């Protein structure tokens, strides 16, 4: 699944207004690890999907 996620996301990224990635740890802590707004071009994308 991981190998397919970035190619699929790039193929359909024009259908998204933004991207939020949430990291949930085994300890129960949850935090945003990535936020990006495609309209404002604000945030930081990992190199794999830029």
Protein backbone atom coordinates (compact mmCIF):
# COMPACT_ATOMS: atom_id res chain seq x y z
CA UNK A 1 0.00 0.00 0.00
CA UNK A 2 2.77 2.45 0.94
CA UNK A 3 4.43 2.05 -2.49
CA UNK A 4 1.17 3.04 -4.20
CA UNK A 5 0.05 5.94 -2.01
CA UNK A 6 2.34 8.67 -3.39
CA UNK A 7 1.81 7.86 -7.09
CA UNK A 8 -1.96 7.77 -6.54
CA UNK A 9 -1.89 10.98 -4.53
CA UNK A 10 0.15 12.77 -7.22
CA UNK A 11 -2.24 11.52 -9.91
CA UNK A 12 -5.29 13.00 -8.14
CA UNK A 13 -3.76 15.86 -6.10
CA UNK A 14 -5.78 18.46 -8.04
CA UNK A 15 -8.90 17.06 -6.32
CA UNK A 16 -7.56 17.92 -2.85
CA UNK A 17 -7.59 21.31 -1.17
CA UNK A 18 -5.02 20.30 1.41
CA UNK A 19 -3.26 17.51 3.20
CA UNK A 20 -3.07 16.71 6.91
CA UNK A 21 -1.05 13.78 8.20
CA UNK A 22 -1.65 12.62 11.75
CA UNK A 23 0.80 10.52 13.74
CA UNK A 24 -0.75 8.32 16.42
CA UNK A 25 1.77 6.75 18.76
CA UNK A 26 1.35 3.54 20.73
CA UNK A 27 1.38 5.67 23.88
CA UNK A 28 -1.85 7.32 22.75
CA UNK A 29 -0.27 10.66 21.87
CA UNK A 30 -1.61 12.13 18.63
CA UNK A 31 -0.16 15.05 16.69
CA UNK A 32 -0.13 16.55 13.22
CA UNK A 33 3.11 15.58 11.52
CA UNK A 34 2.36 17.41 8.26
CA UNK A 35 -0.07 20.10 7.12
CA UNK A 36 -0.23 21.62 3.64
CA UNK A 37 -2.76 23.92 1.94
CA UNK A 38 -2.64 23.53 -1.85
CA UNK A 39 -4.59 26.73 -2.51
CA UNK A 40 -2.29 28.93 -0.42
CA UNK A 41 0.77 26.77 -1.13
CA UNK A 42 1.59 26.91 2.56
CA UNK A 43 3.26 24.19 4.58
CA UNK A 44 5.88 21.63 3.75
CA UNK A 45 5.49 18.50 1.67
CA UNK A 46 7.84 15.53 1.90
CA UNK A 47 10.17 15.15 -1.09
CA UNK A 48 8.30 12.03 -2.27
CA UNK A 49 5.17 13.99 -3.22
CA UNK A 50 6.51 17.37 -4.38
